[in-house]
């Protein structure tokens, strides 16, 4: 269903951006429509950091919580997220980080489908706009944290 990607070049080290994306507990302070977050597990296994977390997303009277499996591949500089539970039929989201001369190119791809068919139709119409707002929020947060 809704599927989109966004690419940004941000003037900081990739490790800083990866840390920012993995700092899920802070999402409610800067990610649009993110009301709450909770990390249940954070483990390192071989070349992966594995996180299980909830995000509560919403606006006005509409809100839902979904549980995600987040895998950061240390060697490949990628973060792969899938849903475990919640209103999503499925979720795949990929972050890729590539740094050249202290400029990091970040690619963020999202593909998901809600269990609710009607909400899926509504989300499809505004999805790209929402994804751009999320990318803007991460870029602004990086600029604030790293004084860019």
C-alpha atoms as a PDB file:
ATOM      1  CA  UNK A   1       0.000   0.000   0.000  1.00  0.00           C
ATOM      2  CA  UNK A   2       1.610   3.342   0.915  1.00  0.00           C
ATOM      3  CA  UNK A   3       5.241   3.219  -0.131  1.00  0.00           C
ATOM      4  CA  UNK A   4       7.653   6.124  -0.431  1.00  0.00           C
ATOM      5  CA  UNK A   5      11.209   7.178   0.160  1.00  0.00           C
ATOM      6  CA  UNK A   6      13.059  10.355   0.960  1.00  0.00           C
ATOM      7  CA  UNK A   7      16.738  11.208   0.705  1.00  0.00           C
ATOM      8  CA  UNK A   8      18.574  13.960   2.568  1.00  0.00           C
ATOM      9  CA  UNK A   9      22.162  15.159   2.835  1.00  0.00           C
ATOM     10  CA  UNK A  10      22.982  16.319   6.351  1.00  0.00           C
ATOM     11  CA  UNK A  11      26.250  17.909   7.424  1.00  0.00           C
ATOM     12  CA  UNK A  12      27.316  15.560  10.184  1.00  0.00           C
ATOM     13  CA  UNK A  13      28.878  12.156  10.744  1.00  0.00           C
ATOM     14  CA  UNK A  14      26.817   9.056   9.980  1.00  0.00           C
ATOM     15  CA  UNK A  15      27.378   7.737  13.528  1.00  0.00           C
ATOM     16  CA  UNK A  16      25.630  10.825  14.879  1.00  0.00           C
ATOM     17  CA  UNK A  17      22.609  10.285  12.643  1.00  0.00           C
ATOM     18  CA  UNK A  18      22.466   6.577  13.419  1.00  0.00           C
ATOM     19  CA  UNK A  19      22.505   7.386  17.152  1.00  0.00           C
ATOM     20  CA  UNK A  20      19.706   9.889  16.563  1.00  0.00           C
ATOM     21  CA  UNK A  21      17.533   7.319  14.768  1.00  0.00           C
ATOM     22  CA  UNK A  22      18.215   4.653  17.412  1.00  0.00           C
ATOM     23  CA  UNK A  23      17.325   7.037  20.266  1.00  0.00           C
ATOM     24  CA  UNK A  24      13.684   5.979  20.040  1.00  0.00           C
ATOM     25  CA  UNK A  25      12.866   7.195  23.552  1.00  0.00           C
ATOM     26  CA  UNK A  26      13.314  10.796  22.359  1.00  0.00           C
ATOM     27  CA  UNK A  27      10.954  10.548  19.344  1.00  0.00           C
ATOM     28  CA  UNK A  28       7.979  12.175  21.120  1.00  0.00           C
ATOM     29  CA  UNK A  29      10.040  15.358  21.570  1.00  0.00           C
ATOM     30  CA  UNK A  30      10.604  15.919  17.851  1.00  0.00           C
ATOM     31  CA  UNK A  31       8.847  13.429  15.528  1.00  0.00           C
ATOM     32  CA  UNK A  32       5.478  14.696  14.238  1.00  0.00           C
ATOM     33  CA  UNK A  33       2.481  12.699  15.428  1.00  0.00           C
ATOM     34  CA  UNK A  34       4.624  10.582  17.796  1.00  0.00           C
ATOM     35  CA  UNK A  35       2.921  10.813  21.183  1.00  0.00           C
ATOM     36  CA  UNK A  36       4.795   8.150  23.172  1.00  0.00           C
ATOM     37  CA  UNK A  37       7.633   5.669  22.846  1.00  0.00           C
ATOM     38  CA  UNK A  38       8.829   2.783  24.940  1.00  0.00           C
ATOM     39  CA  UNK A  39      11.855   0.547  24.435  1.00  0.00           C
ATOM     40  CA  UNK A  40      11.402  -2.980  25.810  1.00  0.00           C
ATOM     41  CA  UNK A  41      14.688  -4.552  24.716  1.00  0.00           C
ATOM     42  CA  UNK A  42      18.034  -3.403  23.388  1.00  0.00           C
ATOM     43  CA  UNK A  43      20.526  -6.192  22.691  1.00  0.00           C
ATOM     44  CA  UNK A  44      23.681  -6.673  20.680  1.00  0.00           C
ATOM     45  CA  UNK A  45      24.047  -9.921  18.757  1.00  0.00           C
ATOM     46  CA  UNK A  46      27.035 -10.341  16.476  1.00  0.00           C
ATOM     47  CA  UNK A  47      26.880  -7.468  13.985  1.00  0.00           C
ATOM     48  CA  UNK A  48      23.370  -6.324  14.994  1.00  0.00           C
ATOM     49  CA  UNK A  49      21.836  -4.107  17.608  1.00  0.00           C
ATOM     50  CA  UNK A  50      18.269  -5.315  18.074  1.00  0.00           C
ATOM     51  CA  UNK A  51      15.613  -3.113  19.661  1.00  0.00           C
ATOM     52  CA  UNK A  52      11.987  -3.913  20.417  1.00  0.00           C
ATOM     53  CA  UNK A  53       9.935  -0.769  20.939  1.00  0.00           C
ATOM     54  CA  UNK A  54       6.442   0.689  20.930  1.00  0.00           C
ATOM     55  CA  UNK A  55       5.498   3.928  19.228  1.00  0.00           C
ATOM     56  CA  UNK A  56       2.169   5.606  19.825  1.00  0.00           C
ATOM     57  CA  UNK A  57       1.239   7.677  16.800  1.00  0.00           C
ATOM     58  CA  UNK A  58      -1.757   9.919  16.472  1.00  0.00           C
ATOM     59  CA  UNK A  59      -3.417  13.249  16.086  1.00  0.00           C
ATOM     60  CA  UNK A  60      -6.466  14.538  17.885  1.00  0.00           C
ATOM     61  CA  UNK A  61      -8.774  11.712  18.943  1.00  0.00           C
ATOM     62  CA  UNK A  62      -7.020   9.184  16.706  1.00  0.00           C
ATOM     63  CA  UNK A  63      -4.058   7.313  18.138  1.00  0.00           C
ATOM     64  CA  UNK A  64      -2.630   3.827  17.914  1.00  0.00           C
ATOM     65  CA  UNK A  65       0.360   1.991  19.306  1.00  0.00           C
ATOM     66  CA  UNK A  66       2.445  -0.408  17.311  1.00  0.00           C
ATOM     67  CA  UNK A  67       5.341  -2.586  18.354  1.00  0.00           C
ATOM     68  CA  UNK A  68       8.409  -2.734  16.139  1.00  0.00           C
ATOM     69  CA  UNK A  69      11.498  -4.845  15.697  1.00  0.00           C
ATOM     70  CA  UNK A  70      14.452  -2.563  14.903  1.00  0.00           C
ATOM     71  CA  UNK A  71      17.697  -4.046  13.606  1.00  0.00           C
ATOM     72  CA  UNK A  72      20.782  -1.900  13.179  1.00  0.00           C
ATOM     73  CA  UNK A  73      23.432  -3.601  11.044  1.00  0.00           C
ATOM     74  CA  UNK A  74      26.722  -2.136  12.266  1.00  0.00           C
ATOM     75  CA  UNK A  75      28.800  -3.197   9.245  1.00  0.00           C
ATOM     76  CA  UNK A  76      26.310  -2.046   6.599  1.00  0.00           C
ATOM     77  CA  UNK A  77      25.188   1.184   8.313  1.00  0.00           C
ATOM     78  CA  UNK A  78      21.541   0.257   7.824  1.00  0.00           C
ATOM     79  CA  UNK A  79      18.519   0.149  10.103  1.00  0.00           C
ATOM     80  CA  UNK A  80      15.660  -2.187   9.193  1.00  0.00           C
ATOM     81  CA  UNK A  81      12.307  -1.940  10.982  1.00  0.00           C
ATOM     82  CA  UNK A  82       9.350  -4.329  10.847  1.00  0.00           C
ATOM     83  CA  UNK A  83       6.148  -4.400  12.858  1.00  0.00           C
ATOM     84  CA  UNK A  84       5.441  -7.005  15.490  1.00  0.00           C
ATOM     85  CA  UNK A  85       1.973  -5.950  16.647  1.00  0.00           C
ATOM     86  CA  UNK A  86      -0.575  -3.159  16.391  1.00  0.00           C
ATOM     87  CA  UNK A  87      -2.741  -1.568  13.672  1.00  0.00           C
ATOM     88  CA  UNK A  88      -0.311  -2.383  10.885  1.00  0.00           C
ATOM     89  CA  UNK A  89      -0.836  -5.360   8.630  1.00  0.00           C
ATOM     90  CA  UNK A  90       2.845  -4.991   7.794  1.00  0.00           C
ATOM     91  CA  UNK A  91       5.625  -2.429   8.024  1.00  0.00           C
ATOM     92  CA  UNK A  92       9.024  -2.294   6.412  1.00  0.00           C
ATOM     93  CA  UNK A  93      11.179   0.724   6.846  1.00  0.00           C
ATOM     94  CA  UNK A  94      14.808   1.050   5.866  1.00  0.00           C
ATOM     95  CA  UNK A  95      17.377   3.649   6.796  1.00  0.00           C
ATOM     96  CA  UNK A  96      20.648   3.776   4.858  1.00  0.00           C
ATOM     97  CA  UNK A  97      23.552   6.036   5.798  1.00  0.00           C
ATOM     98  CA  UNK A  98      26.493   6.942   3.565  1.00  0.00           C
ATOM     99  CA  UNK A  99      29.082   9.524   4.649  1.00  0.00           C
ATOM    100  CA  UNK A 100      31.491  11.482   2.454  1.00  0.00           C
ATOM    101  CA  UNK A 101      33.550  14.376   3.882  1.00  0.00           C
ATOM    102  CA  UNK A 102      31.357  14.795   7.006  1.00  0.00           C
ATOM    103  CA  UNK A 103      28.185  14.967   4.894  1.00  0.00           C
ATOM    104  CA  UNK A 104      25.878  12.017   5.421  1.00  0.00           C
ATOM    105  CA  UNK A 105      23.373  10.998   2.812  1.00  0.00           C
ATOM    106  CA  UNK A 106      20.389   9.406   4.530  1.00  0.00           C
ATOM    107  CA  UNK A 107      17.819   7.387   2.615  1.00  0.00           C
ATOM    108  CA  UNK A 108      14.606   6.551   4.438  1.00  0.00           C
ATOM    109  CA  UNK A 109      12.164   4.143   2.764  1.00  0.00           C
ATOM    110  CA  UNK A 110       8.799   3.157   4.198  1.00  0.00           C
ATOM    111  CA  UNK A 111       6.314   0.557   3.030  1.00  0.00           C
ATOM    112  CA  UNK A 112       3.303  -0.307   5.157  1.00  0.00           C
ATOM    113  CA  UNK A 113      -0.311  -1.353   5.177  1.00  0.00           C
ATOM    114  CA  UNK A 114      -2.854  -0.745   7.897  1.00  0.00           C
ATOM    115  CA  UNK A 115      -5.294  -3.447   8.939  1.00  0.00           C
ATOM    116  CA  UNK A 116      -8.131  -0.913   8.546  1.00  0.00           C
ATOM    117  CA  UNK A 117      -8.896  -0.606   4.806  1.00  0.00           C
ATOM    118  CA  UNK A 118     -10.561   2.824   5.092  1.00  0.00           C
ATOM    119  CA  UNK A 119      -7.643   4.323   7.036  1.00  0.00           C
ATOM    120  CA  UNK A 120      -5.280   2.824   4.481  1.00  0.00           C
ATOM    121  CA  UNK A 121      -6.986   4.824   1.729  1.00  0.00           C
ATOM    122  CA  UNK A 122      -6.802   8.019   3.794  1.00  0.00           C
ATOM    123  CA  UNK A 123      -3.118   7.434   4.649  1.00  0.00           C
ATOM    124  CA  UNK A 124      -2.196   6.774   1.026  1.00  0.00           C
ATOM    125  CA  UNK A 125      -3.353  10.261   0.034  1.00  0.00           C
ATOM    126  CA  UNK A 126      -1.262  12.098   2.654  1.00  0.00           C
ATOM    127  CA  UNK A 127       1.606   9.661   3.093  1.00  0.00           C
ATOM    128  CA  UNK A 128       4.342  11.402   1.093  1.00  0.00           C
ATOM    129  CA  UNK A 129       3.584  14.697   2.849  1.00  0.00           C
ATOM    130  CA  UNK A 130       3.834  12.968   6.245  1.00  0.00           C
ATOM    131  CA  UNK A 131       7.088  11.246   5.308  1.00  0.00           C
ATOM    132  CA  UNK A 132       8.613  14.591   4.275  1.00  0.00           C
ATOM    133  CA  UNK A 133       7.554  16.095   7.624  1.00  0.00           C
ATOM    134  CA  UNK A 134       9.221  13.218   9.478  1.00  0.00           C
ATOM    135  CA  UNK A 135      12.419  13.617   7.434  1.00  0.00           C
ATOM    136  CA  UNK A 136      12.340  17.374   8.136  1.00  0.00           C
ATOM    137  CA  UNK A 137      12.012  16.631  11.864  1.00  0.00           C
ATOM    138  CA  UNK A 138      15.037  14.304  11.901  1.00  0.00           C
ATOM    139  CA  UNK A 139      17.107  16.811   9.907  1.00  0.00           C
ATOM    140  CA  UNK A 140      16.116  19.684  12.224  1.00  0.00           C
ATOM    141  CA  UNK A 141      16.900  17.557  15.292  1.00  0.00           C
ATOM    142  CA  UNK A 142      20.363  16.706  13.885  1.00  0.00           C
ATOM    143  CA  UNK A 143      21.008  20.394  13.217  1.00  0.00           C
ATOM    144  CA  UNK A 144      20.005  21.284  16.800  1.00  0.00           C
ATOM    145  CA  UNK A 145      22.042  18.504  18.430  1.00  0.00           C
ATOM    146  CA  UNK A 146      25.147  18.862  16.319  1.00  0.00           C
ATOM    147  CA  UNK A 147      25.047  22.657  15.814  1.00  0.00           C
ATOM    148  CA  UNK A 148      24.998  22.509  12.044  1.00  0.00           C
END
